[in-house]
N, C-alpha and C. Protein backbone atom coordinates (compact mmCIF):
# COMPACT_ATOMS: atom_id res chain seq x y z
N MET A 1 92.13 -46.86 29.08
CA MET A 1 92.06 -45.98 28.01
C MET A 1 90.77 -46.09 27.23
N ARG A 2 90.27 -47.15 27.40
CA ARG A 2 89.03 -47.35 26.70
C ARG A 2 87.98 -46.37 27.14
N SER A 3 87.93 -46.10 28.38
CA SER A 3 86.91 -45.20 28.83
C SER A 3 87.17 -43.80 28.36
N ASN A 4 88.45 -43.46 28.12
CA ASN A 4 88.73 -42.13 27.59
C ASN A 4 88.28 -42.00 26.14
N THR A 5 88.39 -43.06 25.37
CA THR A 5 88.00 -43.02 23.98
C THR A 5 86.49 -42.88 23.88
N LYS A 6 85.86 -43.62 24.73
CA LYS A 6 84.41 -43.55 24.71
C LYS A 6 83.95 -42.18 25.17
N SER A 7 84.58 -41.65 26.14
CA SER A 7 84.23 -40.35 26.65
C SER A 7 84.53 -39.27 25.62
N ALA A 8 85.65 -39.43 24.91
CA ALA A 8 86.01 -38.46 23.88
C ALA A 8 85.01 -38.53 22.74
N PHE A 9 84.62 -39.75 22.42
CA PHE A 9 83.64 -39.91 21.34
C PHE A 9 82.31 -39.28 21.74
N SER A 10 81.87 -39.50 22.95
CA SER A 10 80.62 -38.94 23.43
C SER A 10 80.68 -37.44 23.47
N GLY A 11 81.84 -36.92 23.87
CA GLY A 11 81.98 -35.47 23.91
C GLY A 11 81.97 -34.88 22.52
N ALA A 12 82.61 -35.56 21.57
CA ALA A 12 82.65 -35.07 20.19
C ALA A 12 81.26 -35.14 19.59
N LEU A 13 80.56 -36.19 19.90
CA LEU A 13 79.19 -36.33 19.39
C LEU A 13 78.30 -35.24 19.96
N ALA A 14 78.47 -34.94 21.21
CA ALA A 14 77.68 -33.89 21.84
C ALA A 14 77.99 -32.54 21.22
N LEU A 15 79.28 -32.33 20.90
CA LEU A 15 79.69 -31.07 20.28
C LEU A 15 79.11 -30.94 18.88
N VAL A 16 79.13 -32.01 18.13
CA VAL A 16 78.58 -31.98 16.77
C VAL A 16 77.07 -31.74 16.82
N LEU A 17 76.41 -32.43 17.71
CA LEU A 17 74.95 -32.24 17.81
C LEU A 17 74.60 -30.84 18.27
N THR A 18 75.38 -30.31 19.20
CA THR A 18 75.13 -28.96 19.68
C THR A 18 75.36 -27.96 18.56
N ALA A 19 76.39 -28.19 17.77
CA ALA A 19 76.69 -27.28 16.66
C ALA A 19 75.59 -27.37 15.60
N ALA A 20 75.10 -28.57 15.37
CA ALA A 20 74.07 -28.73 14.33
C ALA A 20 72.71 -28.26 14.79
N LEU A 21 72.36 -28.59 16.00
CA LEU A 21 71.01 -28.28 16.48
C LEU A 21 70.94 -26.97 17.26
N GLY A 22 72.08 -26.44 17.61
CA GLY A 22 72.11 -25.22 18.41
C GLY A 22 71.37 -24.06 17.77
N PRO A 23 71.64 -23.76 16.49
CA PRO A 23 70.92 -22.63 15.90
C PRO A 23 69.40 -22.83 15.90
N LEU A 24 68.98 -24.09 15.79
CA LEU A 24 67.54 -24.34 15.80
C LEU A 24 66.94 -24.12 17.18
N ALA A 25 67.68 -24.53 18.19
CA ALA A 25 67.18 -24.41 19.54
C ALA A 25 67.17 -22.98 20.01
N CYS A 26 68.12 -22.19 19.57
CA CYS A 26 68.22 -20.82 20.02
C CYS A 26 67.46 -19.84 19.14
N LYS A 27 67.03 -20.30 18.03
CA LYS A 27 66.35 -19.41 17.10
C LYS A 27 65.05 -18.93 17.72
N LYS A 28 64.84 -17.62 17.66
CA LYS A 28 63.59 -17.05 18.16
C LYS A 28 62.45 -17.50 17.27
N GLN A 29 61.39 -17.77 17.92
CA GLN A 29 60.23 -18.10 17.11
C GLN A 29 59.60 -16.79 16.64
N GLU A 30 59.36 -16.75 15.34
CA GLU A 30 58.74 -15.55 14.79
C GLU A 30 57.26 -15.57 15.11
N ALA A 31 56.73 -14.38 15.28
CA ALA A 31 55.29 -14.29 15.54
C ALA A 31 54.57 -14.79 14.30
N PRO A 32 53.51 -15.50 14.52
CA PRO A 32 52.79 -15.98 13.33
C PRO A 32 52.35 -14.79 12.49
N ALA A 33 52.39 -15.01 11.20
CA ALA A 33 51.96 -13.94 10.29
C ALA A 33 50.52 -13.59 10.60
N ALA A 34 50.26 -12.30 10.61
CA ALA A 34 48.90 -11.85 10.90
C ALA A 34 47.97 -12.33 9.80
N ALA A 35 46.85 -12.84 10.23
CA ALA A 35 45.87 -13.30 9.25
C ALA A 35 45.34 -12.08 8.51
N PRO A 36 45.14 -12.22 7.23
CA PRO A 36 44.60 -11.08 6.50
C PRO A 36 43.24 -10.70 7.06
N GLU A 37 42.98 -9.40 7.11
CA GLU A 37 41.70 -8.95 7.62
C GLU A 37 40.60 -9.40 6.67
N PRO A 38 39.50 -9.85 7.24
CA PRO A 38 38.41 -10.29 6.35
C PRO A 38 37.89 -9.09 5.56
N THR A 39 37.59 -9.37 4.34
CA THR A 39 37.03 -8.30 3.51
C THR A 39 35.52 -8.35 3.64
N VAL A 40 34.96 -7.20 3.79
CA VAL A 40 33.52 -7.09 3.90
C VAL A 40 33.01 -6.49 2.61
N ALA A 41 32.08 -7.19 2.00
CA ALA A 41 31.52 -6.68 0.76
C ALA A 41 30.59 -5.53 1.10
N VAL A 42 30.88 -4.39 0.55
CA VAL A 42 30.04 -3.21 0.77
C VAL A 42 29.02 -3.20 -0.37
N PRO A 43 27.74 -3.29 -0.02
CA PRO A 43 26.75 -3.30 -1.09
C PRO A 43 26.77 -1.98 -1.86
N THR A 44 26.71 -2.13 -3.13
CA THR A 44 26.65 -0.93 -3.95
C THR A 44 25.20 -0.48 -4.01
N ALA A 45 25.02 0.79 -4.06
CA ALA A 45 23.66 1.33 -4.09
C ALA A 45 22.99 0.93 -5.39
N ILE A 46 21.80 0.41 -5.24
CA ILE A 46 21.01 0.06 -6.42
C ILE A 46 20.29 1.32 -6.85
N PRO A 47 20.44 1.68 -8.11
CA PRO A 47 19.77 2.91 -8.54
C PRO A 47 18.27 2.81 -8.28
N ALA A 48 17.75 3.85 -7.71
CA ALA A 48 16.31 3.87 -7.41
C ALA A 48 15.53 3.92 -8.71
N THR A 49 14.58 3.01 -8.81
CA THR A 49 13.72 3.04 -9.97
C THR A 49 12.51 3.86 -9.60
N PRO A 50 12.11 4.73 -10.47
CA PRO A 50 10.97 5.57 -10.14
C PRO A 50 9.73 4.71 -9.92
N ALA A 51 8.96 5.12 -8.95
CA ALA A 51 7.72 4.40 -8.68
C ALA A 51 6.81 4.52 -9.89
N PRO A 52 6.10 3.43 -10.16
CA PRO A 52 5.18 3.51 -11.29
C PRO A 52 4.23 4.68 -11.10
N THR A 53 3.96 5.39 -12.16
CA THR A 53 3.13 6.57 -12.06
C THR A 53 1.90 6.40 -12.94
N VAL A 54 0.77 6.72 -12.36
CA VAL A 54 -0.49 6.72 -13.09
C VAL A 54 -1.02 8.14 -13.04
N THR A 55 -1.34 8.68 -14.19
CA THR A 55 -1.87 10.05 -14.26
C THR A 55 -3.21 10.06 -14.98
N ILE A 56 -3.98 11.10 -14.69
CA ILE A 56 -5.28 11.26 -15.35
C ILE A 56 -5.07 12.00 -16.66
N SER A 57 -5.59 11.44 -17.73
CA SER A 57 -5.50 12.12 -19.02
C SER A 57 -6.80 12.83 -19.38
N ASP A 58 -7.93 12.38 -18.80
CA ASP A 58 -9.21 13.00 -19.13
C ASP A 58 -10.30 12.54 -18.17
N VAL A 59 -11.31 13.38 -18.03
CA VAL A 59 -12.54 13.00 -17.33
C VAL A 59 -13.68 13.35 -18.26
N SER A 60 -14.48 12.35 -18.62
CA SER A 60 -15.61 12.55 -19.53
C SER A 60 -16.91 12.37 -18.76
N LEU A 61 -17.89 13.21 -19.08
CA LEU A 61 -19.21 13.12 -18.47
C LEU A 61 -20.24 12.77 -19.52
N GLY A 62 -21.24 12.00 -19.12
CA GLY A 62 -22.30 11.63 -20.05
C GLY A 62 -23.46 10.98 -19.34
N LYS A 63 -24.50 10.66 -20.13
CA LYS A 63 -25.72 10.08 -19.58
C LYS A 63 -25.75 8.56 -19.70
N SER A 64 -24.82 8.00 -20.47
CA SER A 64 -24.76 6.55 -20.62
C SER A 64 -23.34 6.12 -21.02
N LEU A 65 -23.11 4.82 -20.85
CA LEU A 65 -21.80 4.25 -21.20
C LEU A 65 -21.95 3.26 -22.33
N GLY A 66 -20.90 3.13 -23.12
CA GLY A 66 -20.89 2.10 -24.16
C GLY A 66 -20.85 0.74 -23.50
N ALA A 67 -21.61 -0.21 -24.03
CA ALA A 67 -21.71 -1.53 -23.42
C ALA A 67 -20.37 -2.27 -23.44
N ALA A 68 -19.62 -2.14 -24.51
CA ALA A 68 -18.37 -2.89 -24.64
C ALA A 68 -17.18 -2.22 -23.96
N ASP A 69 -17.03 -0.91 -24.20
CA ASP A 69 -15.80 -0.25 -23.71
C ASP A 69 -15.97 0.52 -22.41
N LYS A 70 -17.18 0.64 -21.90
CA LYS A 70 -17.46 1.36 -20.65
C LYS A 70 -16.98 2.81 -20.68
N LYS A 71 -16.97 3.40 -21.86
CA LYS A 71 -16.64 4.82 -22.00
C LYS A 71 -17.93 5.57 -22.22
N VAL A 72 -17.89 6.88 -21.98
CA VAL A 72 -19.09 7.71 -22.18
C VAL A 72 -19.53 7.59 -23.63
N ALA A 73 -20.82 7.27 -23.82
CA ALA A 73 -21.35 7.09 -25.18
C ALA A 73 -21.42 8.43 -25.91
N ALA A 74 -21.94 9.47 -25.26
CA ALA A 74 -22.03 10.81 -25.84
C ALA A 74 -21.71 11.81 -24.74
N ALA A 75 -20.57 12.50 -24.88
CA ALA A 75 -20.14 13.44 -23.85
C ALA A 75 -21.10 14.63 -23.76
N THR A 76 -21.38 15.06 -22.54
CA THR A 76 -22.22 16.24 -22.31
C THR A 76 -21.86 16.84 -20.96
N ASP A 77 -22.21 18.10 -20.79
CA ASP A 77 -22.01 18.74 -19.49
C ASP A 77 -23.32 19.34 -18.98
N THR A 78 -24.43 18.92 -19.61
CA THR A 78 -25.76 19.39 -19.20
C THR A 78 -26.66 18.18 -18.97
N PHE A 79 -27.31 18.14 -17.81
CA PHE A 79 -28.13 16.99 -17.44
C PHE A 79 -29.50 17.45 -16.94
N LYS A 80 -30.45 16.52 -16.96
CA LYS A 80 -31.79 16.76 -16.41
C LYS A 80 -31.80 16.23 -14.97
N PRO A 81 -32.70 16.72 -14.14
CA PRO A 81 -32.72 16.32 -12.73
C PRO A 81 -32.75 14.82 -12.47
N LYS A 82 -33.42 14.02 -13.30
CA LYS A 82 -33.52 12.59 -13.03
C LYS A 82 -32.52 11.74 -13.82
N ASP A 83 -31.57 12.38 -14.50
CA ASP A 83 -30.54 11.63 -15.25
C ASP A 83 -29.57 10.95 -14.28
N THR A 84 -29.05 9.79 -14.71
CA THR A 84 -27.88 9.22 -14.06
C THR A 84 -26.70 9.90 -14.72
N ILE A 85 -25.78 10.40 -13.92
CA ILE A 85 -24.62 11.13 -14.45
C ILE A 85 -23.38 10.25 -14.31
N PHE A 86 -22.76 9.95 -15.44
CA PHE A 86 -21.56 9.11 -15.47
C PHE A 86 -20.32 9.97 -15.63
N ALA A 87 -19.28 9.60 -14.92
CA ALA A 87 -17.95 10.21 -15.10
C ALA A 87 -16.99 9.06 -15.39
N VAL A 88 -16.26 9.17 -16.50
CA VAL A 88 -15.27 8.16 -16.83
C VAL A 88 -13.90 8.83 -16.73
N VAL A 89 -13.07 8.29 -15.86
CA VAL A 89 -11.72 8.82 -15.65
C VAL A 89 -10.76 7.98 -16.50
N SER A 90 -10.10 8.65 -17.44
CA SER A 90 -9.11 7.98 -18.30
C SER A 90 -7.73 8.22 -17.69
N THR A 91 -6.95 7.14 -17.57
CA THR A 91 -5.61 7.23 -16.98
C THR A 91 -4.56 6.66 -17.93
N ASN A 92 -3.34 7.11 -17.72
CA ASN A 92 -2.17 6.58 -18.43
C ASN A 92 -1.17 6.13 -17.39
N GLY A 93 -0.42 5.10 -17.72
CA GLY A 93 0.64 4.62 -16.83
C GLY A 93 0.35 3.23 -16.34
N SER A 94 1.26 2.74 -15.52
CA SER A 94 1.06 1.40 -14.97
C SER A 94 1.50 1.37 -13.51
N ALA A 95 0.85 0.51 -12.76
CA ALA A 95 1.17 0.33 -11.34
C ALA A 95 0.51 -0.95 -10.87
N ALA A 96 1.12 -1.56 -9.87
CA ALA A 96 0.54 -2.77 -9.29
C ALA A 96 -0.78 -2.45 -8.60
N SER A 97 -0.88 -1.22 -8.09
CA SER A 97 -2.12 -0.80 -7.43
C SER A 97 -2.16 0.72 -7.35
N SER A 98 -3.24 1.29 -7.82
CA SER A 98 -3.48 2.73 -7.73
C SER A 98 -4.94 2.93 -7.36
N THR A 99 -5.22 4.07 -6.74
CA THR A 99 -6.60 4.36 -6.36
C THR A 99 -7.07 5.61 -7.08
N VAL A 100 -8.18 5.45 -7.81
CA VAL A 100 -8.83 6.58 -8.48
C VAL A 100 -9.95 7.03 -7.55
N HIS A 101 -9.96 8.31 -7.25
CA HIS A 101 -10.94 8.86 -6.32
C HIS A 101 -11.70 9.99 -7.01
N VAL A 102 -13.02 10.01 -6.84
CA VAL A 102 -13.82 11.12 -7.36
C VAL A 102 -14.65 11.72 -6.23
N LYS A 103 -14.83 13.04 -6.35
CA LYS A 103 -15.66 13.76 -5.39
C LYS A 103 -16.63 14.63 -6.20
N TRP A 104 -17.91 14.39 -6.00
CA TRP A 104 -18.97 15.15 -6.67
C TRP A 104 -19.42 16.24 -5.71
N THR A 105 -19.51 17.47 -6.19
CA THR A 105 -19.95 18.58 -5.33
C THR A 105 -21.01 19.43 -6.00
N PHE A 106 -21.84 20.07 -5.17
CA PHE A 106 -22.88 20.98 -5.62
C PHE A 106 -22.37 22.40 -5.47
N GLN A 107 -23.02 23.37 -6.08
CA GLN A 107 -22.65 24.79 -6.21
C GLN A 107 -21.71 25.35 -5.15
N ASP A 108 -22.10 25.25 -3.90
CA ASP A 108 -21.34 25.91 -2.84
C ASP A 108 -20.24 25.00 -2.26
N GLY A 109 -19.95 23.90 -2.92
CA GLY A 109 -18.92 22.97 -2.44
C GLY A 109 -19.46 21.85 -1.58
N GLN A 110 -20.80 21.81 -1.45
CA GLN A 110 -21.42 20.74 -0.67
C GLN A 110 -21.14 19.40 -1.35
N THR A 111 -20.61 18.46 -0.59
CA THR A 111 -20.29 17.14 -1.16
C THR A 111 -21.57 16.36 -1.40
N VAL A 112 -21.72 15.91 -2.63
CA VAL A 112 -22.86 15.08 -3.02
C VAL A 112 -22.51 13.61 -2.80
N LYS A 113 -21.29 13.21 -3.24
CA LYS A 113 -20.86 11.82 -3.11
C LYS A 113 -19.36 11.76 -3.33
N GLU A 114 -18.70 10.83 -2.61
CA GLU A 114 -17.29 10.52 -2.86
C GLU A 114 -17.22 9.02 -3.12
N ASP A 115 -16.33 8.65 -4.01
CA ASP A 115 -16.20 7.24 -4.38
C ASP A 115 -14.77 6.98 -4.83
N SER A 116 -14.32 5.74 -4.71
CA SER A 116 -12.99 5.40 -5.19
C SER A 116 -12.96 3.96 -5.67
N ARG A 117 -12.01 3.69 -6.56
CA ARG A 117 -11.81 2.35 -7.10
C ARG A 117 -10.31 2.08 -7.12
N THR A 118 -9.94 0.85 -6.78
CA THR A 118 -8.54 0.43 -6.87
C THR A 118 -8.35 -0.23 -8.23
N ILE A 119 -7.31 0.22 -8.93
CA ILE A 119 -7.03 -0.32 -10.26
C ILE A 119 -5.57 -0.80 -10.31
N ALA A 120 -5.27 -1.64 -11.29
CA ALA A 120 -3.91 -2.13 -11.53
C ALA A 120 -3.63 -2.00 -13.03
N PRO A 121 -3.51 -0.78 -13.52
CA PRO A 121 -3.36 -0.58 -14.96
C PRO A 121 -1.97 -0.96 -15.48
N THR A 122 -1.93 -1.38 -16.73
CA THR A 122 -0.67 -1.68 -17.41
C THR A 122 -0.56 -0.83 -18.67
N GLY A 123 -1.19 0.32 -18.65
CA GLY A 123 -1.22 1.23 -19.78
C GLY A 123 -2.48 2.07 -19.68
N PRO A 124 -2.94 2.61 -20.79
CA PRO A 124 -4.16 3.42 -20.75
C PRO A 124 -5.34 2.60 -20.20
N ALA A 125 -6.13 3.24 -19.33
CA ALA A 125 -7.28 2.55 -18.73
C ALA A 125 -8.39 3.56 -18.47
N THR A 126 -9.59 3.04 -18.29
CA THR A 126 -10.74 3.88 -17.93
C THR A 126 -11.41 3.29 -16.69
N THR A 127 -11.91 4.18 -15.84
CA THR A 127 -12.61 3.78 -14.63
C THR A 127 -13.88 4.61 -14.56
N GLU A 128 -15.01 3.93 -14.42
CA GLU A 128 -16.29 4.65 -14.45
C GLU A 128 -16.89 4.82 -13.06
N PHE A 129 -17.58 5.96 -12.89
CA PHE A 129 -18.28 6.31 -11.66
C PHE A 129 -19.64 6.88 -12.08
N SER A 130 -20.59 6.88 -11.15
CA SER A 130 -21.88 7.48 -11.48
C SER A 130 -22.58 7.95 -10.21
N ILE A 131 -23.50 8.90 -10.43
CA ILE A 131 -24.39 9.33 -9.36
C ILE A 131 -25.80 9.37 -9.92
N GLN A 132 -26.76 9.11 -9.07
CA GLN A 132 -28.17 9.20 -9.46
C GLN A 132 -29.00 9.53 -8.24
N LYS A 133 -30.12 10.15 -8.51
CA LYS A 133 -31.03 10.52 -7.43
C LYS A 133 -32.44 10.37 -7.98
N PRO A 134 -33.12 9.30 -7.61
CA PRO A 134 -34.46 9.04 -8.16
C PRO A 134 -35.44 10.20 -7.98
N SER A 135 -35.30 10.95 -6.90
CA SER A 135 -36.22 12.08 -6.71
C SER A 135 -35.78 13.30 -7.52
N GLY A 136 -34.62 13.25 -8.11
CA GLY A 136 -34.14 14.33 -8.98
C GLY A 136 -33.10 15.22 -8.32
N TRP A 137 -32.08 15.60 -9.10
CA TRP A 137 -31.04 16.51 -8.64
C TRP A 137 -31.56 17.94 -8.62
N PRO A 138 -31.20 18.72 -7.62
CA PRO A 138 -31.57 20.14 -7.65
C PRO A 138 -30.87 20.80 -8.83
N LYS A 139 -31.56 21.74 -9.45
CA LYS A 139 -30.95 22.46 -10.57
C LYS A 139 -29.81 23.31 -10.05
N GLY A 140 -28.76 23.42 -10.87
CA GLY A 140 -27.61 24.24 -10.46
C GLY A 140 -26.31 23.73 -11.06
N ASP A 141 -25.23 24.29 -10.54
CA ASP A 141 -23.88 23.96 -11.02
C ASP A 141 -23.24 22.90 -10.11
N TYR A 142 -22.59 21.94 -10.76
CA TYR A 142 -21.93 20.85 -10.06
C TYR A 142 -20.50 20.70 -10.58
N LYS A 143 -19.72 19.94 -9.83
CA LYS A 143 -18.36 19.61 -10.26
C LYS A 143 -18.07 18.17 -9.87
N VAL A 144 -17.21 17.55 -10.66
CA VAL A 144 -16.64 16.27 -10.27
C VAL A 144 -15.12 16.45 -10.32
N GLU A 145 -14.47 16.05 -9.25
CA GLU A 145 -13.02 16.19 -9.15
C GLU A 145 -12.43 14.79 -9.04
N ALA A 146 -11.46 14.48 -9.91
CA ALA A 146 -10.85 13.14 -9.92
C ALA A 146 -9.36 13.25 -9.60
N THR A 147 -8.89 12.28 -8.80
CA THR A 147 -7.46 12.19 -8.49
C THR A 147 -7.03 10.72 -8.57
N VAL A 148 -5.74 10.52 -8.76
CA VAL A 148 -5.17 9.17 -8.69
C VAL A 148 -4.09 9.21 -7.62
N ASP A 149 -4.22 8.36 -6.63
CA ASP A 149 -3.26 8.26 -5.53
C ASP A 149 -2.98 9.61 -4.88
N GLY A 150 -3.98 10.44 -4.79
CA GLY A 150 -3.84 11.73 -4.14
C GLY A 150 -3.07 12.76 -4.95
N GLY A 151 -2.81 12.48 -6.21
CA GLY A 151 -2.06 13.41 -7.07
C GLY A 151 -2.90 14.59 -7.52
N ALA A 152 -2.44 15.23 -8.56
CA ALA A 152 -3.12 16.41 -9.09
C ALA A 152 -4.56 16.08 -9.49
N ALA A 153 -5.44 17.01 -9.17
CA ALA A 153 -6.87 16.81 -9.46
C ALA A 153 -7.23 17.34 -10.83
N VAL A 154 -8.13 16.62 -11.48
CA VAL A 154 -8.73 17.09 -12.74
C VAL A 154 -10.20 17.31 -12.43
N THR A 155 -10.68 18.51 -12.71
CA THR A 155 -12.07 18.88 -12.38
C THR A 155 -12.87 19.13 -13.63
N LYS A 156 -14.10 18.62 -13.64
CA LYS A 156 -15.06 18.89 -14.72
C LYS A 156 -16.30 19.51 -14.09
N SER A 157 -16.76 20.59 -14.71
CA SER A 157 -17.99 21.24 -14.24
C SER A 157 -19.15 20.80 -15.13
N PHE A 158 -20.35 20.73 -14.52
CA PHE A 158 -21.55 20.39 -15.30
C PHE A 158 -22.75 21.06 -14.64
N LYS A 159 -23.85 21.07 -15.39
CA LYS A 159 -25.08 21.71 -14.92
C LYS A 159 -26.23 20.71 -14.93
N VAL A 160 -27.11 20.91 -13.96
CA VAL A 160 -28.39 20.22 -13.97
C VAL A 160 -29.42 21.31 -14.19
N GLN A 161 -30.23 21.15 -15.27
CA GLN A 161 -31.27 22.16 -15.56
C GLN A 161 -32.57 21.54 -15.97
């Protein structure tokens, strides 16, 4: 009988363990929770800042420049054949780099001289240019045309007599 008691005990123990562990063994494994999708930071548009603008406010002509300020000492639009002719381009605005360009022409549009200077203004500025001809300029009508960075041109007419 002893073996029956032991066998009954083993059977009862097996039944208890099966009852306790059965739901765990038969339980379906759930699919792992989906990982959250990574969030991608979408850059927000940075408002465009207008490019620095430099504009021409004036072009002055004269026979000499002030020593300190490099501006035309006495404005004129009439010159003698052997005068040095100065053009001072006054600009407003600021930029890390801008190019002031001048083109000097004779009556029929014949180019006498072209010149340019790179500037880095932080407000009002002046840039000087000049032409001279030791043998003398032919008498007639001339023009100087100034631009900044290829923008609108400012033209001044003058005479050599």
